[in-house]
Amino acid sequence: MWVFLLVYFAAFGGATILGSEESFDGKLQDGFDLLRSDPNAYETIEFRRKAHELQEGTYTDYEEPSKDVAKAMELYAESTRGHEGAFAEDVNNDVRVGIALFQGDMMLSKAQADEILEDMEVSMGRRKKRQAYRDHKYPATLWSDGINYASRNASNPARRVFIKATEMWSEDTCLEFREDNSATDKVWVTDGAGCWSHVGRLGGTQFMSLGDGCGYIGLGLHELGHTIGLWHTQSRHDRDNFISLRWENLQYDWHDQFGKETESTNYNYNITYDYGTVMHYSAGSPRLSSNGQPYMIPHDNKFLSTLGSYILSFYEKLMVNLHYKCLDNCPKESFDMCGNGGFPHPRDCSKCVCPSGYGGRFCKRRPPGCGKELTATDEWQEFQDTVRQRTMIDMLLTTNFSSVTTGL
């Protein structure tokens, strides 16, 4: 789930200096050469260089994983070996731009870069923290009048993915998207190198790239989430309560890319950490792992293969609605009518937005679609379904309800 905030606090939890530099500056320059057309590319690459320097000289003692965790990591590595990645960190590493972007897929303004660097220095005890909660531009960083976009130079695949992502983000929120080439504040969708975006509204023209390899709806949703104002889920201040970083499994050049925020810089609207969000990275990209093992381990390792998602989660929708105050116009009684944790629809307060697995007007029924209600008996029954890939843009969801006769 996504973390809003325009002030970021990096706390490494003890990055290591083990490993080879392997010409970090050279790789950084290669990435910059591919990104230099963005006005903030220089600020971002300078931030990466300084952040990398700050991490040098820090150590950590690694603890041996438990037998259960070690087995889970082994199974994860086996299941992902040879699979093509469809997360931003995979694509951007392949096209050599990930290392030059913040956390692998974010372009930073100078103000954002300066604040993040300050927070990193504070976390290391090198300077005192000035008062910070959200930066002085908030709420100007919100797209309060809607998100204008232009895509004249984008390829057809990039445009299709972006348009589909706008439809999905707006469906259960109050966000409005308009194509307007002449708007002062707008997002230019390009098909440049990699999948990346700026965070929040900067003012003026800002860019989003959906290049080769980014033609998946999950990637469009993720990058548009950054534009809306979301950071990565795994950078939440409370992430250590839910996942552990296995730094020894992560390439050295990426250690400073997995910092976390603090309570003073990160507000999550009291929404719990969600492993299965579109803004969460996978447990371990083969491109970033130093040894083929995952580097983000859920405390409940049964969720190891579910980190990240290609669709929006219920909690992401709720967070965006709260962040943009979409629900302020719904009366209190409309909240009471929604069952199973649902909330009033911001475009029609008489119906509800439902958690996954629930549907109907008040979240008390099975959602529509191709699922069915299954009744368990004292005899074994077999349930079969067929899963086939359709397109990289459209998705089909199915939900089955199971019931059991009392007394079995």
Protein backbone atom coordinates (compact mmCIF):
# COMPACT_ATOMS: atom_id res chain seq x y z
CA MET A 1 0.00 0.00 0.00
CA TRP A 2 1.20 3.35 -0.71
CA VAL A 3 2.72 5.73 1.23
CA PHE A 4 1.87 9.36 0.63
CA LEU A 5 4.31 11.97 1.77
CA LEU A 6 6.46 14.39 0.24
CA VAL A 7 9.13 14.08 2.84
CA TYR A 8 11.01 10.81 2.90
CA PHE A 9 13.13 9.39 5.69
CA ALA A 10 15.76 6.80 4.82
CA ALA A 11 16.81 4.50 7.59
CA PHE A 12 18.94 1.72 6.24
CA GLY A 13 18.83 -0.68 9.12
CA GLY A 14 22.52 -1.29 8.52
CA ALA A 15 23.46 -1.56 4.89
CA THR A 16 26.57 -3.54 4.16
CA ILE A 17 29.70 -2.68 2.23
CA LEU A 18 30.20 -6.26 1.17
CA GLY A 19 30.37 -6.71 -2.56
CA SER A 20 32.07 -5.02 -5.45
CA GLU A 21 31.48 -1.49 -6.64
CA GLU A 22 31.76 -2.73 -10.21
CA SER A 23 31.94 0.84 -11.48
CA PHE A 24 28.87 2.27 -9.76
CA ASP A 25 29.58 5.70 -11.28
CA GLY A 26 29.81 4.14 -14.72
CA LYS A 27 26.43 2.44 -14.38
CA LEU A 28 24.98 5.65 -12.99
CA GLN A 29 26.26 7.59 -16.00
CA ASP A 30 24.83 5.00 -18.41
CA GLY A 31 21.42 5.42 -16.79
CA PHE A 32 21.66 9.20 -16.87
CA ASP A 33 22.49 9.16 -20.59
CA LEU A 34 19.18 7.38 -21.22
CA LEU A 35 17.19 9.70 -18.94
CA ARG A 36 18.82 13.07 -19.60
CA SER A 37 15.83 14.44 -21.52
CA ASP A 38 13.88 14.77 -18.25
CA PRO A 39 14.52 18.13 -16.52
CA ASN A 40 15.00 16.37 -13.17
CA ALA A 41 17.34 13.62 -14.38
CA TYR A 42 20.45 15.46 -13.17
CA GLU A 43 18.97 16.10 -9.70
CA THR A 44 18.01 12.45 -9.41
CA ILE A 45 21.38 11.08 -10.47
CA GLU A 46 23.17 13.47 -8.08
CA PHE A 47 20.88 12.27 -5.31
CA ARG A 48 21.75 8.65 -6.12
CA ARG A 49 25.46 9.42 -6.03
CA LYS A 50 25.23 11.18 -2.65
CA ALA A 51 22.95 8.52 -1.17
CA HIS A 52 25.37 5.82 -2.26
CA GLU A 53 28.26 7.68 -0.64
CA LEU A 54 26.30 8.03 2.61
CA GLN A 55 25.80 4.28 2.85
CA GLU A 56 29.52 3.49 2.49
CA GLY A 57 31.18 2.43 5.68
CA THR A 58 28.04 1.07 7.30
CA TYR A 59 27.94 -2.54 8.36
CA THR A 60 25.48 -5.10 9.56
CA ASP A 61 25.83 -8.53 11.11
CA TYR A 62 23.61 -10.96 9.29
CA GLU A 63 21.54 -13.43 11.23
CA GLU A 64 21.08 -16.89 9.83
CA PRO A 65 17.47 -17.35 8.64
CA SER A 66 15.33 -19.88 10.44
CA LYS A 67 14.81 -23.26 8.78
CA ASP A 68 11.29 -22.27 7.73
CA VAL A 69 12.45 -18.99 6.19
CA ALA A 70 15.40 -20.67 4.47
CA LYS A 71 13.07 -23.26 2.96
CA ALA A 72 10.60 -20.58 1.84
CA MET A 73 13.42 -18.61 0.19
CA GLU A 74 14.64 -21.73 -1.59
CA LEU A 75 11.16 -22.52 -2.92
CA TYR A 76 10.68 -18.92 -4.04
CA ALA A 77 14.00 -18.92 -5.89
CA GLU A 78 13.08 -22.16 -7.64
CA SER A 79 9.63 -20.92 -8.66
CA THR A 80 10.92 -17.65 -10.12
CA ARG A 81 14.06 -18.96 -11.82
CA GLY A 82 13.91 -18.26 -15.55
CA HIS A 83 10.69 -16.25 -15.37
CA GLU A 84 10.53 -12.92 -17.15
CA GLY A 85 9.88 -10.10 -14.72
CA ALA A 86 6.95 -7.73 -15.12
CA PHE A 87 7.75 -5.37 -12.26
CA ALA A 88 9.30 -1.95 -12.72
CA GLU A 89 12.55 -2.97 -11.03
CA ASP A 90 12.95 -5.82 -13.54
CA VAL A 91 12.29 -3.78 -16.66
CA ASN A 92 14.36 -0.80 -15.54
CA ASN A 93 17.32 -2.96 -14.62
CA ASP A 94 17.19 -4.60 -18.06
CA VAL A 95 17.29 -1.24 -19.86
CA ARG A 96 19.95 0.11 -17.44
CA VAL A 97 18.03 3.03 -15.94
CA GLY A 98 16.88 1.60 -12.61
CA ILE A 99 20.11 2.40 -10.81
CA ALA A 100 19.81 6.08 -11.82
CA LEU A 101 16.26 6.46 -10.41
CA PHE A 102 15.12 6.72 -6.80
CA GLN A 103 14.11 3.25 -5.59
CA GLY A 104 14.40 2.06 -9.16
CA ASP A 105 11.52 3.93 -10.81
CA MET A 106 11.03 7.46 -9.39
CA MET A 107 12.35 10.76 -10.73
CA LEU A 108 12.92 13.34 -7.97
CA SER A 109 12.62 17.11 -7.99
CA LYS A 110 15.45 19.05 -6.33
CA ALA A 111 13.25 19.78 -3.29
CA GLN A 112 12.38 16.11 -2.86
CA ALA A 113 16.01 15.01 -3.30
CA ASP A 114 17.25 17.56 -0.75
CA GLU A 115 14.67 16.51 1.84
CA ILE A 116 15.38 12.82 1.42
CA LEU A 117 19.13 13.38 1.76
CA GLU A 118 18.55 15.45 4.89
CA ASP A 119 16.48 12.67 6.41
CA MET A 120 19.18 10.14 5.58
CA GLU A 121 21.77 12.27 7.38
CA VAL A 122 19.48 12.65 10.38
CA SER A 123 19.00 8.88 10.57
CA MET A 124 22.78 8.50 10.73
CA GLY A 125 23.10 11.18 13.43
CA ARG A 126 24.99 13.60 11.20
CA ARG A 127 22.58 16.51 11.64
CA LYS A 128 19.43 17.53 13.49
CA LYS A 129 16.04 17.13 11.94
CA ARG A 130 14.14 20.25 11.11
CA GLN A 131 10.42 20.04 11.71
CA ALA A 132 8.87 18.06 8.93
CA TYR A 133 5.62 16.25 8.31
CA ARG A 134 4.72 17.12 4.76
CA ASP A 135 6.74 19.58 2.80
CA HIS A 136 5.78 23.24 2.61
CA LYS A 137 4.11 22.78 -0.79
CA TYR A 138 1.44 20.41 0.50
CA PRO A 139 -1.44 20.30 -0.45
CA ALA A 140 -0.34 21.97 -3.69
CA THR A 141 1.25 18.64 -4.57
CA LEU A 142 -2.23 17.13 -4.90
CA TRP A 143 -3.97 17.12 -8.27
CA SER A 144 -6.99 18.78 -6.70
CA ASP A 145 -8.40 19.93 -10.04
CA GLY A 146 -7.86 16.63 -11.81
CA ILE A 147 -4.89 15.13 -13.63
CA ASN A 148 -4.26 16.47 -17.10
CA TYR A 149 -2.20 14.37 -19.47
CA ALA A 150 -0.84 14.35 -22.99
CA SER A 151 0.53 11.40 -24.93
CA ARG A 152 1.24 12.71 -28.40
CA ASN A 153 4.70 11.13 -28.53
CA ALA A 154 3.78 7.89 -26.77
CA SER A 155 3.57 4.64 -28.68
CA ASN A 156 0.20 2.92 -28.95
CA PRO A 157 1.06 0.27 -26.29
CA ALA A 158 2.16 2.97 -23.82
CA ARG A 159 -0.97 4.98 -24.46
CA ARG A 160 -3.27 1.96 -24.10
CA VAL A 161 -1.69 0.95 -20.79
CA PHE A 162 -1.86 4.51 -19.47
CA ILE A 163 -5.51 5.01 -20.46
CA LYS A 164 -6.50 1.70 -18.89
CA ALA A 165 -4.64 2.66 -15.70
CA THR A 166 -6.49 6.00 -15.50
CA GLU A 167 -9.81 4.16 -15.82
CA MET A 168 -8.92 1.77 -13.01
CA TRP A 169 -7.62 4.48 -10.67
CA SER A 170 -10.70 6.66 -11.22
CA GLU A 171 -13.30 3.86 -11.02
CA ASP A 172 -13.47 3.77 -7.21
CA THR A 173 -11.99 7.18 -6.34
CA CYS A 174 -12.87 10.80 -7.07
CA LEU A 175 -9.79 11.29 -9.28
CA GLU A 176 -10.48 12.82 -12.68
CA PHE A 177 -8.19 12.39 -15.69
CA ARG A 178 -8.38 14.63 -18.76
CA GLU A 179 -6.40 14.62 -21.97
CA ASP A 180 -5.33 18.24 -22.47
CA ASN A 181 -2.14 19.08 -24.35
CA SER A 182 -2.51 22.78 -23.56
CA ALA A 183 -2.91 22.47 -19.76
CA THR A 184 -0.28 24.25 -17.68
CA ASP A 185 0.04 21.36 -15.22
CA LYS A 186 0.09 18.01 -16.96
CA VAL A 187 1.73 14.62 -17.30
CA TRP A 188 3.47 13.87 -20.57
CA VAL A 189 3.31 10.12 -21.20
CA THR A 190 6.34 9.01 -23.21
CA ASP A 191 7.75 5.72 -24.43
CA GLY A 192 11.26 6.46 -23.24
CA ALA A 193 13.74 4.15 -21.52
CA GLY A 194 12.05 2.14 -18.78
CA CYS A 195 8.99 2.56 -16.57
CA TRP A 196 9.17 5.55 -14.22
CA SER A 197 7.35 8.63 -12.97
CA HIS A 198 7.58 11.66 -10.72
CA VAL A 199 5.89 11.60 -7.30
CA GLY A 200 2.88 13.88 -6.84
CA ARG A 201 2.08 17.08 -8.70
CA LEU A 202 5.18 19.20 -9.32
CA GLY A 203 3.57 22.04 -11.27
CA GLY A 204 4.12 22.60 -14.98
CA THR A 205 4.89 19.67 -17.27
CA GLN A 206 6.18 16.45 -15.74
CA PHE A 207 6.90 13.15 -17.43
CA MET A 208 5.97 9.51 -17.10
CA SER A 209 7.76 6.87 -19.14
CA LEU A 210 6.15 3.62 -20.28
CA GLY A 211 8.77 2.27 -22.67
CA ASP A 212 9.56 -1.18 -24.03
CA GLY A 213 8.65 -3.85 -21.51
CA CYS A 214 6.18 -1.61 -19.67
CA GLY A 215 3.10 -2.79 -21.56
CA TYR A 216 1.49 -4.40 -18.52
CA ILE A 217 -1.45 -2.84 -16.74
CA GLY A 218 0.24 -3.43 -13.38
CA LEU A 219 3.17 -1.26 -14.44
CA GLY A 220 0.85 1.48 -15.68
CA LEU A 221 -1.06 1.42 -12.38
CA HIS A 222 2.19 1.51 -10.39
CA GLU A 223 3.73 4.47 -12.20
CA LEU A 224 0.45 6.38 -12.21
CA GLY A 225 0.26 5.70 -8.46
CA HIS A 226 3.52 7.62 -8.07
CA THR A 227 2.09 10.49 -10.12
CA ILE A 228 -0.96 10.56 -7.83
CA GLY A 229 1.38 10.87 -4.86
CA LEU A 230 2.16 7.37 -3.62
CA TRP A 231 5.55 6.05 -2.52
CA HIS A 232 6.41 2.37 -2.35
CA THR A 233 4.72 0.22 0.26
CA GLN A 234 8.00 -1.37 1.33
CA SER A 235 9.31 2.07 2.37
CA ARG A 236 6.61 2.60 5.03
CA HIS A 237 7.92 3.52 8.48
CA ASP A 238 6.34 0.37 9.95
CA ARG A 239 7.59 -2.04 7.30
CA ASP A 240 9.92 -3.84 9.76
CA ASN A 241 6.82 -5.06 11.60
CA PHE A 242 5.79 -6.95 8.47
CA ILE A 243 8.85 -7.73 6.35
CA SER A 244 12.55 -8.31 6.93
CA LEU A 245 15.29 -7.18 4.56
CA ARG A 246 17.91 -9.81 3.82
CA TRP A 247 20.64 -7.38 2.81
CA GLU A 248 23.06 -10.17 1.95
CA ASN A 249 20.71 -11.23 -0.87
CA LEU A 250 20.51 -7.74 -2.40
CA GLN A 251 23.09 -6.33 -4.80
CA TYR A 252 25.26 -3.77 -3.06
CA ASP A 253 24.45 -0.95 -5.48
CA TRP A 254 20.79 -1.23 -4.45
CA HIS A 255 21.16 -1.17 -0.66
CA ASP A 256 20.39 2.55 -0.34
CA GLN A 257 17.30 2.05 -2.54
CA PHE A 258 15.53 0.13 0.21
CA GLY A 259 15.42 2.73 2.97
CA LYS A 260 12.31 3.34 5.03
CA GLU A 261 10.48 6.35 6.37
CA THR A 262 9.71 7.38 9.96
CA GLU A 263 6.48 8.25 11.70
CA SER A 264 7.28 11.95 11.36
CA THR A 265 7.52 11.71 7.57
CA ASN A 266 5.03 8.99 6.73
CA TYR A 267 1.28 9.04 7.29
CA ASN A 268 -0.73 5.99 6.26
CA TYR A 269 -4.19 7.06 7.47
CA ASN A 270 -4.15 4.21 10.03
CA ILE A 271 -4.39 1.71 7.18
CA THR A 272 -2.59 -1.56 7.79
CA TYR A 273 0.38 -2.78 5.77
CA ASP A 274 -0.77 -4.75 2.74
CA TYR A 275 1.56 -7.24 1.04
CA GLY A 276 -0.55 -7.49 -2.10
CA THR A 277 -0.54 -3.96 -3.44
CA VAL A 278 0.42 -2.64 -6.82
CA MET A 279 2.87 -0.25 -5.11
CA HIS A 280 4.83 -3.06 -3.41
CA TYR A 281 7.88 -4.56 -5.08
CA SER A 282 8.21 -8.32 -5.42
CA ALA A 283 10.07 -10.35 -2.80
CA GLY A 284 13.14 -10.56 -4.95
CA SER A 285 13.83 -9.59 -8.54
CA PRO A 286 16.37 -11.94 -10.17
CA ARG A 287 17.93 -8.78 -11.62
CA LEU A 288 18.58 -7.25 -8.20
CA SER A 289 19.32 -10.33 -6.12
CA SER A 290 23.00 -11.02 -5.49
CA ASN A 291 22.53 -14.77 -5.23
CA GLY A 292 19.15 -15.71 -6.68
CA GLN A 293 17.47 -15.53 -3.25
CA PRO A 294 14.64 -13.12 -2.28
CA TYR A 295 15.66 -10.10 -0.21
CA MET A 296 12.26 -9.06 1.22
CA ILE A 297 10.81 -11.71 3.52
CA PRO A 298 7.30 -11.35 5.02
CA HIS A 299 7.20 -12.23 8.72
CA ASP A 300 4.53 -14.73 7.70
CA ASN A 301 6.51 -16.44 4.96
CA LYS A 302 3.35 -17.90 3.40
CA PHE A 303 2.99 -14.47 1.77
CA LEU A 304 6.44 -14.63 0.14
CA SER A 305 5.07 -15.20 -3.36
CA THR A 306 2.29 -12.63 -2.99
CA LEU A 307 4.38 -9.48 -2.48
CA GLY A 308 3.33 -6.96 -5.10
CA SER A 309 0.38 -7.11 -7.47
CA TYR A 310 -0.74 -6.23 -10.97
CA ILE A 311 -4.11 -4.89 -9.80
CA LEU A 312 -5.17 -2.20 -7.32
CA SER A 313 -5.84 -3.40 -3.81
CA PHE A 314 -8.79 -2.34 -1.71
CA TYR A 315 -6.50 -0.55 0.75
CA GLU A 316 -4.84 1.43 -2.03
CA LYS A 317 -8.23 2.70 -3.16
CA LEU A 318 -9.12 3.61 0.42
CA MET A 319 -5.85 5.46 0.97
CA VAL A 320 -6.18 7.54 -2.19
CA ASN A 321 -9.77 8.42 -1.28
CA LEU A 322 -8.66 9.58 2.17
CA HIS A 323 -5.62 11.43 0.87
CA TYR A 324 -7.70 13.36 -1.67
CA LYS A 325 -10.61 13.79 0.80
CA CYS A 326 -12.94 12.04 -1.63
CA LEU A 327 -15.21 10.76 1.14
CA ASP A 328 -15.78 14.07 2.91
CA ASN A 329 -19.11 14.60 1.15
CA CYS A 330 -20.57 11.24 2.16
CA PRO A 331 -22.81 11.33 5.28
CA LYS A 332 -21.88 9.23 8.31
CA GLU A 333 -24.79 6.85 7.82
CA SER A 334 -23.40 5.87 4.42
CA PHE A 335 -20.31 4.46 6.18
CA ASP A 336 -22.50 2.41 8.52
CA MET A 337 -24.34 0.71 5.66
CA CYS A 338 -21.19 -0.84 4.13
CA GLY A 339 -20.47 -4.35 5.34
CA ASN A 340 -17.22 -6.29 5.65
CA GLY A 341 -15.03 -3.20 5.93
CA GLY A 342 -16.27 -1.47 2.78
CA PHE A 343 -16.60 2.30 2.41
CA PRO A 344 -19.03 4.60 0.54
CA HIS A 345 -18.35 5.08 -3.13
CA PRO A 346 -17.05 8.64 -3.59
CA ARG A 347 -19.14 9.12 -6.73
CA ASP A 348 -22.32 7.63 -5.26
CA CYS A 349 -22.52 7.50 -1.46
CA SER A 350 -25.55 5.19 -1.61
CA LYS A 351 -23.37 2.22 -2.61
CA CYS A 352 -20.07 0.83 -1.36
CA VAL A 353 -16.56 0.06 -2.53
CA CYS A 354 -15.90 -3.47 -1.33
CA PRO A 355 -12.85 -5.45 -0.20
CA SER A 356 -11.68 -8.21 -2.50
CA GLY A 357 -14.06 -11.16 -2.39
CA TYR A 358 -17.18 -9.13 -1.62
CA GLY A 359 -19.70 -7.40 -3.84
CA GLY A 360 -23.26 -6.20 -4.04
CA ARG A 361 -24.41 -2.70 -3.17
CA PHE A 362 -23.36 -3.08 0.48
CA CYS A 363 -20.49 -5.61 0.23
CA LYS A 364 -22.61 -8.48 1.51
CA ARG A 365 -22.72 -10.64 -1.61
CA ARG A 366 -20.38 -12.46 -3.94
CA PRO A 367 -19.06 -10.06 -6.56
CA PRO A 368 -20.36 -10.46 -10.12
CA GLY A 369 -18.31 -12.41 -12.62
CA CYS A 370 -17.52 -15.98 -13.54
CA GLY A 371 -17.26 -17.38 -10.01
CA LYS A 372 -19.85 -19.52 -8.29
CA GLU A 373 -21.08 -20.64 -4.89
CA LEU A 374 -19.67 -24.01 -3.85
CA THR A 375 -21.25 -26.22 -1.19
CA ALA A 376 -19.02 -28.56 0.78
CA THR A 377 -20.40 -31.98 1.74
CA ASP A 378 -19.00 -35.02 3.52
CA GLU A 379 -17.89 -36.36 0.12
CA TRP A 380 -14.79 -35.22 -1.75
CA GLN A 381 -15.62 -32.96 -4.71
CA GLU A 382 -13.38 -31.78 -7.50
CA PHE A 383 -13.32 -28.18 -8.70
CA GLN A 384 -11.60 -27.35 -11.97
CA ASP A 385 -11.02 -24.06 -13.71
CA THR A 386 -8.90 -22.92 -16.63
CA VAL A 387 -6.42 -20.08 -16.42
CA ARG A 388 -5.16 -18.69 -19.67
CA GLN A 389 -3.34 -15.48 -20.54
CA ARG A 390 -5.54 -13.03 -22.37
CA THR A 391 -3.74 -9.75 -22.84
CA MET A 392 -1.27 -7.71 -20.84
CA ILE A 393 -3.88 -4.97 -20.40
CA ASP A 394 -7.18 -6.66 -19.54
CA MET A 395 -7.70 -8.85 -16.49
CA LEU A 396 -10.49 -11.18 -15.47
CA LEU A 397 -11.18 -11.70 -11.77
CA THR A 398 -13.18 -14.55 -10.33
CA THR A 399 -14.48 -15.18 -6.81
CA ASN A 400 -15.94 -18.39 -5.45
CA PHE A 401 -17.93 -18.60 -2.20
CA SER A 402 -17.80 -21.83 -0.22
CA SER A 403 -20.47 -22.91 2.25
CA VAL A 404 -20.80 -25.94 4.48
CA THR A 405 -23.83 -27.62 5.98
CA THR A 406 -23.91 -27.31 9.78
CA GLY A 407 -23.05 -30.54 11.52
CA LEU A 408 -20.57 -31.92 9.00
